[in-house]
Amino acid sequence: MSSVPMEAIDLQIADVLHAVRYPANKDCIVDAARDAGASNELLAILDGLPEQDYSGVDDVTRFIGSNYGPGLGL
């Protein structure tokens, strides 16, 4: 597992998701994260998103929270 604290992942997710222009699909979100220099852990999480359009940050964080549990305090 990673030695990166979950808080660091939370901050990366928040920074990346707020920089994305919505509506956005999974590929746009992953590309934005990559362009922002996101960690491999975050890219793996975002790459696990379903192929669909997301209307905003809440749509994405709802999916991430439901799949990765309360450890991600989004």
PDB file of N, CA and C in Angstrom:
ATOM      1  N   MET A   1       0.844  -1.183   0.000  1.00  0.00           N
ATOM      2  CA  MET A   1       0.000   0.000   0.000  1.00  0.00           C
ATOM      3  C   MET A   1       0.888   1.245   0.000  1.00  0.00           C
ATOM      4  N   SER A   2       0.290   2.363  -0.149  1.00  0.00           N
ATOM      5  CA  SER A   2       1.042   3.611  -0.248  1.00  0.00           C
ATOM      6  C   SER A   2       1.330   4.192   1.125  1.00  0.00           C
ATOM      7  N   SER A   3       2.415   4.934   1.206  1.00  0.00           N
ATOM      8  CA  SER A   3       2.731   5.617   2.454  1.00  0.00           C
ATOM      9  C   SER A   3       2.168   7.038   2.466  1.00  0.00           C
ATOM     10  N   VAL A   4       1.476   7.419   1.386  1.00  0.00           N
ATOM     11  CA  VAL A   4       0.897   8.760   1.306  1.00  0.00           C
ATOM     12  C   VAL A   4      -0.331   8.814   2.209  1.00  0.00           C
ATOM     13  N   PRO A   5      -0.398   9.800   3.103  1.00  0.00           N
ATOM     14  CA  PRO A   5      -1.577   9.904   3.973  1.00  0.00           C
ATOM     15  C   PRO A   5      -2.830  10.163   3.144  1.00  0.00           C
ATOM     16  N   MET A   6      -3.967   9.635   3.596  1.00  0.00           N
ATOM     17  CA  MET A   6      -5.218   9.820   2.870  1.00  0.00           C
ATOM     18  C   MET A   6      -5.568  11.301   2.745  1.00  0.00           C
ATOM     19  N   GLU A   7      -5.171  12.114   3.711  1.00  0.00           N
ATOM     20  CA  GLU A   7      -5.459  13.551   3.628  1.00  0.00           C
ATOM     21  C   GLU A   7      -4.813  14.159   2.383  1.00  0.00           C
ATOM     22  N   ALA A   8      -3.614  13.687   2.029  1.00  0.00           N
ATOM     23  CA  ALA A   8      -2.943  14.208   0.842  1.00  0.00           C
ATOM     24  C   ALA A   8      -3.733  13.852  -0.413  1.00  0.00           C
ATOM     25  N   ILE A   9      -4.286  12.652  -0.454  1.00  0.00           N
ATOM     26  CA  ILE A   9      -5.115  12.238  -1.583  1.00  0.00           C
ATOM     27  C   ILE A   9      -6.375  13.100  -1.622  1.00  0.00           C
ATOM     28  N   ASP A  10      -7.001  13.325  -0.465  1.00  0.00           N
ATOM     29  CA  ASP A  10      -8.192  14.177  -0.398  1.00  0.00           C
ATOM     30  C   ASP A  10      -7.917  15.553  -0.985  1.00  0.00           C
ATOM     31  N   LEU A  11      -6.784  16.144  -0.614  1.00  0.00           N
ATOM     32  CA  LEU A  11      -6.449  17.481  -1.106  1.00  0.00           C
ATOM     33  C   LEU A  11      -6.205  17.462  -2.607  1.00  0.00           C
ATOM     34  N   GLN A  12      -5.533  16.434  -3.088  1.00  0.00           N
ATOM     35  CA  GLN A  12      -5.306  16.315  -4.532  1.00  0.00           C
ATOM     36  C   GLN A  12      -6.623  16.192  -5.273  1.00  0.00           C
ATOM     37  N   ILE A  13      -7.522  15.343  -4.748  1.00  0.00           N
ATOM     38  CA  ILE A  13      -8.817  15.155  -5.390  1.00  0.00           C
ATOM     39  C   ILE A  13      -9.572  16.473  -5.441  1.00  0.00           C
ATOM     40  N   ALA A  14      -9.612  17.178  -4.326  1.00  0.00           N
ATOM     41  CA  ALA A  14     -10.330  18.455  -4.279  1.00  0.00           C
ATOM     42  C   ALA A  14      -9.739  19.445  -5.272  1.00  0.00           C
ATOM     43  N   ASP A  15      -8.419  19.552  -5.312  1.00  0.00           N
ATOM     44  CA  ASP A  15      -7.769  20.491  -6.234  1.00  0.00           C
ATOM     45  C   ASP A  15      -8.077  20.138  -7.686  1.00  0.00           C
ATOM     46  N   VAL A  16      -7.943  18.868  -8.014  1.00  0.00           N
ATOM     47  CA  VAL A  16      -8.155  18.440  -9.398  1.00  0.00           C
ATOM     48  C   VAL A  16      -9.612  18.617  -9.804  1.00  0.00           C
ATOM     49  N   LEU A  17     -10.529  18.151  -8.967  1.00  0.00           N
ATOM     50  CA  LEU A  17     -11.943  18.192  -9.349  1.00  0.00           C
ATOM     51  C   LEU A  17     -12.465  19.618  -9.479  1.00  0.00           C
ATOM     52  N   HIS A  18     -11.928  20.530  -8.682  1.00  0.00           N
ATOM     53  CA  HIS A  18     -12.379  21.917  -8.788  1.00  0.00           C
ATOM     54  C   HIS A  18     -11.772  22.627 -10.002  1.00  0.00           C
ATOM     55  N   ALA A  19     -10.744  22.049 -10.607  1.00  0.00           N
ATOM     56  CA  ALA A  19     -10.132  22.649 -11.791  1.00  0.00           C
ATOM     57  C   ALA A  19     -10.785  22.157 -13.089  1.00  0.00           C
ATOM     58  N   VAL A  20     -11.590  21.091 -12.993  1.00  0.00           N
ATOM     59  CA  VAL A  20     -12.228  20.515 -14.178  1.00  0.00           C
ATOM     60  C   VAL A  20     -13.423  21.366 -14.590  1.00  0.00           C
ATOM     61  N   ARG A  21     -13.598  21.503 -15.898  1.00  0.00           N
ATOM     62  CA  ARG A  21     -14.779  22.212 -16.422  1.00  0.00           C
ATOM     63  C   ARG A  21     -15.887  21.184 -16.620  1.00  0.00           C
ATOM     64  N   TYR A  22     -17.005  21.393 -15.968  1.00  0.00           N
ATOM     65  CA  TYR A  22     -18.138  20.468 -16.046  1.00  0.00           C
ATOM     66  C   TYR A  22     -19.197  21.017 -16.973  1.00  0.00           C
ATOM     67  N   PRO A  23     -20.013  20.143 -17.582  1.00  0.00           N
ATOM     68  CA  PRO A  23     -19.969  18.685 -17.456  1.00  0.00           C
ATOM     69  C   PRO A  23     -18.696  18.113 -18.073  1.00  0.00           C
ATOM     70  N   ALA A  24     -18.248  17.005 -17.497  1.00  0.00           N
ATOM     71  CA  ALA A  24     -17.024  16.357 -17.955  1.00  0.00           C
ATOM     72  C   ALA A  24     -17.192  14.851 -17.886  1.00  0.00           C
ATOM     73  N   ASN A  25     -16.540  14.151 -18.801  1.00  0.00           N
ATOM     74  CA  ASN A  25     -16.567  12.696 -18.731  1.00  0.00           C
ATOM     75  C   ASN A  25     -15.320  12.208 -17.988  1.00  0.00           C
ATOM     76  N   LYS A  26     -15.269  10.904 -17.772  1.00  0.00           N
ATOM     77  CA  LYS A  26     -14.151  10.323 -17.025  1.00  0.00           C
ATOM     78  C   LYS A  26     -12.816  10.684 -17.648  1.00  0.00           C
ATOM     79  N   ASP A  27     -12.704  10.611 -18.975  1.00  0.00           N
ATOM     80  CA  ASP A  27     -11.431  10.888 -19.631  1.00  0.00           C
ATOM     81  C   ASP A  27     -10.961  12.316 -19.382  1.00  0.00           C
ATOM     82  N   CYS A  28     -11.889  13.272 -19.398  1.00  0.00           N
ATOM     83  CA  CYS A  28     -11.536  14.675 -19.129  1.00  0.00           C
ATOM     84  C   CYS A  28     -11.019  14.830 -17.698  1.00  0.00           C
ATOM     85  N   ILE A  29     -11.654  14.142 -16.771  1.00  0.00           N
ATOM     86  CA  ILE A  29     -11.258  14.233 -15.362  1.00  0.00           C
ATOM     87  C   ILE A  29      -9.875  13.632 -15.162  1.00  0.00           C
ATOM     88  N   VAL A  30      -9.640  12.458 -15.754  1.00  0.00           N
ATOM     89  CA  VAL A  30      -8.327  11.805 -15.631  1.00  0.00           C
ATOM     90  C   VAL A  30      -7.248  12.657 -16.301  1.00  0.00           C
ATOM     91  N   ASP A  31      -7.556  13.215 -17.482  1.00  0.00           N
ATOM     92  CA  ASP A  31      -6.586  14.074 -18.169  1.00  0.00           C
ATOM     93  C   ASP A  31      -6.248  15.308 -17.341  1.00  0.00           C
ATOM     94  N   ALA A  32      -7.270  15.915 -16.724  1.00  0.00           N
ATOM     95  CA  ALA A  32      -7.040  17.093 -15.886  1.00  0.00           C
ATOM     96  C   ALA A  32      -6.155  16.732 -14.693  1.00  0.00           C
ATOM     97  N   ALA A  33      -6.390  15.572 -14.105  1.00  0.00           N
ATOM     98  CA  ALA A  33      -5.580  15.126 -12.973  1.00  0.00           C
ATOM     99  C   ALA A  33      -4.133  14.901 -13.407  1.00  0.00           C
ATOM    100  N   ARG A  34      -3.956  14.271 -14.551  1.00  0.00           N
ATOM    101  CA  ARG A  34      -2.603  14.015 -15.064  1.00  0.00           C
ATOM    102  C   ARG A  34      -1.885  15.340 -15.339  1.00  0.00           C
ATOM    103  N   ASP A  35      -2.601  16.279 -15.984  1.00  0.00           N
ATOM    104  CA  ASP A  35      -2.017  17.591 -16.286  1.00  0.00           C
ATOM    105  C   ASP A  35      -1.639  18.348 -15.018  1.00  0.00           C
ATOM    106  N   ALA A  36      -2.389  18.113 -13.938  1.00  0.00           N
ATOM    107  CA  ALA A  36      -2.130  18.793 -12.669  1.00  0.00           C
ATOM    108  C   ALA A  36      -1.025  18.117 -11.870  1.00  0.00           C
ATOM    109  N   GLY A  37      -0.489  17.014 -12.391  1.00  0.00           N
ATOM    110  CA  GLY A  37       0.591  16.325 -11.694  1.00  0.00           C
ATOM    111  C   GLY A  37       0.112  15.452 -10.546  1.00  0.00           C
ATOM    112  N   ALA A  38      -1.100  14.929 -10.666  1.00  0.00           N
ATOM    113  CA  ALA A  38      -1.658  14.080  -9.611  1.00  0.00           C
ATOM    114  C   ALA A  38      -0.818  12.824  -9.423  1.00  0.00           C
ATOM    115  N   SER A  39      -0.882  12.281  -8.222  1.00  0.00           N
ATOM    116  CA  SER A  39      -0.136  11.066  -7.900  1.00  0.00           C
ATOM    117  C   SER A  39      -0.721   9.868  -8.643  1.00  0.00           C
ATOM    118  N   ASN A  40       0.070   8.813  -8.739  1.00  0.00           N
ATOM    119  CA  ASN A  40      -0.402   7.577  -9.363  1.00  0.00           C
ATOM    120  C   ASN A  40      -1.598   7.011  -8.616  1.00  0.00           C
ATOM    121  N   GLU A  41      -1.626   7.162  -7.295  1.00  0.00           N
ATOM    122  CA  GLU A  41      -2.762   6.677  -6.498  1.00  0.00           C
ATOM    123  C   GLU A  41      -4.043   7.378  -6.913  1.00  0.00           C
ATOM    124  N   LEU A  42      -3.971   8.696  -7.065  1.00  0.00           N
ATOM    125  CA  LEU A  42      -5.159   9.448  -7.454  1.00  0.00           C
ATOM    126  C   LEU A  42      -5.569   9.104  -8.879  1.00  0.00           C
ATOM    127  N   LEU A  43      -4.611   8.985  -9.768  1.00  0.00           N
ATOM    128  CA  LEU A  43      -4.946   8.623 -11.145  1.00  0.00           C
ATOM    129  C   LEU A  43      -5.629   7.266 -11.205  1.00  0.00           C
ATOM    130  N   ALA A  44      -5.186   6.330 -10.383  1.00  0.00           N
ATOM    131  CA  ALA A  44      -5.812   5.002 -10.343  1.00  0.00           C
ATOM    132  C   ALA A  44      -7.249   5.100  -9.840  1.00  0.00           C
ATOM    133  N   ILE A  45      -7.485   5.918  -8.822  1.00  0.00           N
ATOM    134  CA  ILE A  45      -8.842   6.102  -8.293  1.00  0.00           C
ATOM    135  C   ILE A  45      -9.743   6.692  -9.375  1.00  0.00           C
ATOM    136  N   LEU A  46      -9.281   7.752 -10.016  1.00  0.00           N
ATOM    137  CA  LEU A  46     -10.091   8.418 -11.035  1.00  0.00           C
ATOM    138  C   LEU A  46     -10.292   7.534 -12.258  1.00  0.00           C
ATOM    139  N   ASP A  47      -9.308   6.722 -12.577  1.00  0.00           N
ATOM    140  CA  ASP A  47      -9.436   5.818 -13.720  1.00  0.00           C
ATOM    141  C   ASP A  47     -10.499   4.753 -13.465  1.00  0.00           C
ATOM    142  N   GLY A  48     -10.851   4.550 -12.200  1.00  0.00           N
ATOM    143  CA  GLY A  48     -11.894   3.587 -11.847  1.00  0.00           C
ATOM    144  C   GLY A  48     -13.304   4.143 -11.955  1.00  0.00           C
ATOM    145  N   LEU A  49     -13.422   5.415 -12.304  1.00  0.00           N
ATOM    146  CA  LEU A  49     -14.754   6.010 -12.465  1.00  0.00           C
ATOM    147  C   LEU A  49     -15.478   5.354 -13.634  1.00  0.00           C
ATOM    148  N   PRO A  50     -16.798   5.225 -13.534  1.00  0.00           N
ATOM    149  CA  PRO A  50     -17.558   4.710 -14.680  1.00  0.00           C
ATOM    150  C   PRO A  50     -17.481   5.679 -15.858  1.00  0.00           C
ATOM    151  N   GLU A  51     -17.585   5.135 -17.061  1.00  0.00           N
ATOM    152  CA  GLU A  51     -17.608   5.951 -18.277  1.00  0.00           C
ATOM    153  C   GLU A  51     -18.971   6.632 -18.359  1.00  0.00           C
ATOM    154  N   GLN A  52     -19.024   7.874 -17.948  1.00  0.00           N
ATOM    155  CA  GLN A  52     -20.263   8.646 -18.006  1.00  0.00           C
ATOM    156  C   GLN A  52     -19.916  10.115 -17.900  1.00  0.00           C
ATOM    157  N   ASP A  53     -20.916  10.966 -18.086  1.00  0.00           N
ATOM    158  CA  ASP A  53     -20.715  12.398 -17.904  1.00  0.00           C
ATOM    159  C   ASP A  53     -21.036  12.756 -16.464  1.00  0.00           C
ATOM    160  N   TYR A  54     -20.242  13.636 -15.899  1.00  0.00           N
ATOM    161  CA  TYR A  54     -20.418  14.107 -14.529  1.00  0.00           C
ATOM    162  C   TYR A  54     -20.776  15.580 -14.585  1.00  0.00           C
ATOM    163  N   SER A  55     -21.835  15.963 -13.867  1.00  0.00           N
ATOM    164  CA  SER A  55     -22.307  17.342 -13.945  1.00  0.00           C
ATOM    165  C   SER A  55     -21.523  18.276 -13.032  1.00  0.00           C
ATOM    166  N   GLY A  56     -20.797  17.712 -12.063  1.00  0.00           N
ATOM    167  CA  GLY A  56     -20.033  18.554 -11.165  1.00  0.00           C
ATOM    168  C   GLY A  56     -19.208  17.744 -10.185  1.00  0.00           C
ATOM    169  N   VAL A  57     -18.523  18.469  -9.313  1.00  0.00           N
ATOM    170  CA  VAL A  57     -17.647  17.850  -8.317  1.00  0.00           C
ATOM    171  C   VAL A  57     -18.412  16.849  -7.453  1.00  0.00           C
ATOM    172  N   ASP A  58     -19.632  17.199  -7.052  1.00  0.00           N
ATOM    173  CA  ASP A  58     -20.403  16.314  -6.170  1.00  0.00           C
ATOM    174  C   ASP A  58     -20.665  14.949  -6.799  1.00  0.00           C
ATOM    175  N   ASP A  59     -20.928  14.920  -8.104  1.00  0.00           N
ATOM    176  CA  ASP A  59     -21.153  13.632  -8.777  1.00  0.00           C
ATOM    177  C   ASP A  59     -19.923  12.741  -8.662  1.00  0.00           C
ATOM    178  N   VAL A  60     -18.763  13.321  -8.865  1.00  0.00           N
ATOM    179  CA  VAL A  60     -17.526  12.544  -8.830  1.00  0.00           C
ATOM    180  C   VAL A  60     -17.211  12.103  -7.400  1.00  0.00           C
ATOM    181  N   THR A  61     -17.297  13.008  -6.452  1.00  0.00           N
ATOM    182  CA  THR A  61     -16.949  12.659  -5.068  1.00  0.00           C
ATOM    183  C   THR A  61     -17.939  11.656  -4.488  1.00  0.00           C
ATOM    184  N   ARG A  62     -19.176  11.702  -4.916  1.00  0.00           N
ATOM    185  CA  ARG A  62     -20.174  10.728  -4.440  1.00  0.00           C
ATOM    186  C   ARG A  62     -19.747   9.326  -4.863  1.00  0.00           C
ATOM    187  N   PHE A  63     -19.309   9.175  -6.099  1.00  0.00           N
ATOM    188  CA  PHE A  63     -18.862   7.868  -6.574  1.00  0.00           C
ATOM    189  C   PHE A  63     -17.597   7.420  -5.840  1.00  0.00           C
ATOM    190  N   ILE A  64     -16.632   8.317  -5.716  1.00  0.00           N
ATOM    191  CA  ILE A  64     -15.368   7.966  -5.056  1.00  0.00           C
ATOM    192  C   ILE A  64     -15.628   7.569  -3.601  1.00  0.00           C
ATOM    193  N   GLY A  65     -16.431   8.353  -2.894  1.00  0.00           N
ATOM    194  CA  GLY A  65     -16.742   8.045  -1.501  1.00  0.00           C
ATOM    195  C   GLY A  65     -17.443   6.724  -1.342  1.00  0.00           C
ATOM    196  N   SER A  66     -18.364   6.395  -2.249  1.00  0.00           N
ATOM    197  CA  SER A  66     -19.118   5.145  -2.131  1.00  0.00           C
ATOM    198  C   SER A  66     -18.244   3.936  -2.448  1.00  0.00           C
ATOM    199  N   ASN A  67     -17.213   4.121  -3.265  1.00  0.00           N
ATOM    200  CA  ASN A  67     -16.352   3.004  -3.641  1.00  0.00           C
ATOM    201  C   ASN A  67     -15.117   2.857  -2.762  1.00  0.00           C
ATOM    202  N   TYR A  68     -14.677   3.937  -2.165  1.00  0.00           N
ATOM    203  CA  TYR A  68     -13.452   3.866  -1.379  1.00  0.00           C
ATOM    204  C   TYR A  68     -13.689   4.089   0.105  1.00  0.00           C
ATOM    205  N   GLY A  69     -14.970   4.238   0.478  1.00  0.00           N
ATOM    206  CA  GLY A  69     -15.332   4.265   1.885  1.00  0.00           C
ATOM    207  C   GLY A  69     -15.014   5.561   2.594  1.00  0.00           C
ATOM    208  N   PRO A  70     -15.228   5.547   3.905  1.00  0.00           N
ATOM    209  CA  PRO A  70     -15.087   6.760   4.698  1.00  0.00           C
ATOM    210  C   PRO A  70     -13.656   7.234   4.868  1.00  0.00           C
ATOM    211  N   GLY A  71     -12.677   6.459   4.390  1.00  0.00           N
ATOM    212  CA  GLY A  71     -11.286   6.883   4.480  1.00  0.00           C
ATOM    213  C   GLY A  71     -11.025   8.139   3.674  1.00  0.00           C
ATOM    214  N   LEU A  72     -11.820   8.358   2.643  1.00  0.00           N
ATOM    215  CA  LEU A  72     -11.675   9.588   1.859  1.00  0.00           C
ATOM    216  C   LEU A  72     -12.718  10.556   2.354  1.00  0.00           C
ATOM    217  N   GLY A  73     -12.269  11.525   3.111  1.00  0.00           N
ATOM    218  CA  GLY A  73     -13.190  12.497   3.706  1.00  0.00           C
ATOM    219  C   GLY A  73     -13.515  13.627   2.774  1.00  0.00           C
ATOM    220  N   LEU A  74     -14.158  13.310   1.679  1.00  0.00           N
ATOM    221  CA  LEU A  74     -14.496  14.337   0.696  1.00  0.00           C
ATOM    222  C   LEU A  74     -15.701  15.050   1.181  1.00  0.00           C
TER     223      LEU A  74
END
